[in-house]
Amino acid sequence: MIRARNWYFAYCLLIGVTLPFLLLFGLGYAFYHTVIGGFEIAGAYIMTVLAMGLLRTGYAIARTGELAFLLLCLYGFVHLVCVVPLRVIALFTLTHTQWGTR
């Protein structure tokens, strides 16, 4: 009999293998359609990131009254500019020994 833990392990293994490739596909798809089809997708993405940032910070602003929380809306763009390229570089350099060890 297969235990529930084994199903979860298979799920984690499947997700761990497919997510990096889905990230590359999504980035390539967005880049291709931005270049070919114009900036409608990029504009929709920017507006979605801003809207989600405002939704997330709206509660903090309502509770504290500090408008400094609006700066958290920029986190989505920082993530897109800094973290996503690092993930792509890490994906392509997994087998390089220059990463070093602890």
Protein backbone atom coordinates (compact mmCIF):
# COMPACT_ATOMS: atom_id res chain seq x y z
CA MET A 1 0.00 0.00 0.00
CA ILE A 2 1.29 3.46 -0.90
CA ARG A 3 1.44 5.86 2.01
CA ALA A 4 0.24 9.45 1.78
CA ARG A 5 3.79 10.64 2.37
CA ASN A 6 4.90 9.00 -0.86
CA TRP A 7 2.26 10.89 -2.85
CA TYR A 8 3.44 14.15 -1.33
CA PHE A 9 7.04 13.29 -2.18
CA ALA A 10 6.05 12.60 -5.79
CA TYR A 11 4.17 15.90 -5.89
CA CYS A 12 7.17 17.84 -4.54
CA LEU A 13 9.47 16.10 -6.99
CA LEU A 14 7.19 16.93 -9.91
CA ILE A 15 6.85 20.56 -8.86
CA GLY A 16 10.59 20.91 -8.26
CA VAL A 17 11.37 19.60 -11.73
CA THR A 18 8.73 21.49 -13.71
CA LEU A 19 8.67 24.95 -12.08
CA PRO A 20 12.06 26.15 -13.40
CA PHE A 21 11.01 25.26 -16.94
CA LEU A 22 7.62 26.90 -16.46
CA LEU A 23 9.44 30.03 -15.29
CA LEU A 24 11.55 30.08 -18.45
CA PHE A 25 8.50 29.43 -20.62
CA GLY A 26 6.53 32.22 -18.95
CA LEU A 27 9.36 34.71 -19.29
CA GLY A 28 9.94 33.77 -22.92
CA TYR A 29 6.23 33.94 -23.70
CA ALA A 30 5.86 37.38 -22.10
CA PHE A 31 8.99 38.71 -23.80
CA TYR A 32 7.94 37.36 -27.20
CA HIS A 33 4.44 38.83 -27.02
CA THR A 34 5.74 42.14 -25.72
CA VAL A 35 8.16 42.44 -28.64
CA ILE A 36 5.79 41.13 -31.33
CA GLY A 37 2.38 42.28 -30.12
CA GLY A 38 3.22 45.58 -28.54
CA PHE A 39 3.23 46.63 -24.95
CA GLU A 40 -0.34 45.67 -24.03
CA ILE A 41 0.82 42.62 -22.06
CA ALA A 42 3.61 44.58 -20.36
CA GLY A 43 1.16 47.35 -19.47
CA ALA A 44 -1.33 44.84 -18.11
CA TYR A 45 1.43 43.23 -16.05
CA ILE A 46 2.55 46.58 -14.63
CA MET A 47 -1.01 47.51 -13.73
CA THR A 48 -1.61 44.09 -12.14
CA VAL A 49 1.55 44.36 -10.02
CA LEU A 50 0.55 47.83 -8.87
CA ALA A 51 -3.02 46.76 -8.13
CA MET A 52 -1.88 43.75 -6.11
CA GLY A 53 0.64 45.89 -4.27
CA LEU A 54 -2.06 48.41 -3.39
CA LEU A 55 -4.38 45.64 -2.22
CA ARG A 56 -1.69 44.17 0.00
CA THR A 57 -0.61 47.48 1.48
CA GLY A 58 -4.11 48.88 1.82
CA TYR A 59 -4.68 46.98 5.03
CA ALA A 60 -1.39 48.17 6.54
CA ILE A 61 -2.15 51.78 5.62
CA ALA A 62 -5.66 51.49 7.05
CA ARG A 63 -4.34 50.06 10.32
CA THR A 64 -1.37 52.39 10.86
CA GLY A 65 -2.05 55.43 8.70
CA GLU A 66 1.55 55.44 7.45
CA LEU A 67 1.85 56.13 3.74
CA ALA A 68 5.38 54.70 3.74
CA PHE A 69 3.76 51.31 3.13
CA LEU A 70 3.10 52.42 -0.44
CA LEU A 71 6.78 51.76 -1.14
CA LEU A 72 5.99 48.06 -0.80
CA CYS A 73 4.23 48.30 -4.18
CA LEU A 74 7.68 48.54 -5.74
CA TYR A 75 8.64 45.09 -4.42
CA GLY A 76 7.05 43.36 -7.43
CA PHE A 77 9.25 45.32 -9.79
CA VAL A 78 12.36 44.76 -7.70
CA HIS A 79 11.56 41.05 -7.76
CA LEU A 80 11.15 41.13 -11.53
CA VAL A 81 14.37 43.07 -12.15
CA CYS A 82 16.65 41.42 -9.56
CA VAL A 83 15.38 38.04 -8.43
CA VAL A 84 14.00 36.59 -11.68
CA PRO A 85 17.24 37.11 -13.65
CA LEU A 86 19.18 35.55 -10.77
CA ARG A 87 16.90 32.51 -10.87
CA VAL A 88 17.48 32.12 -14.59
CA ILE A 89 21.26 32.42 -14.14
CA ALA A 90 21.15 29.91 -11.29
CA LEU A 91 19.12 27.51 -13.41
CA PHE A 92 21.66 27.56 -16.22
CA THR A 93 24.71 27.35 -13.94
CA LEU A 94 23.62 24.58 -11.58
CA THR A 95 26.43 22.27 -12.67
CA HIS A 96 29.22 24.86 -12.53
CA THR A 97 31.67 24.48 -9.66
CA GLN A 98 32.30 28.23 -9.33
CA TRP A 99 29.33 28.52 -6.98
CA GLY A 100 31.51 27.18 -4.17
CA THR A 101 30.46 25.43 -1.01
CA ARG A 102 29.62 26.49 2.51
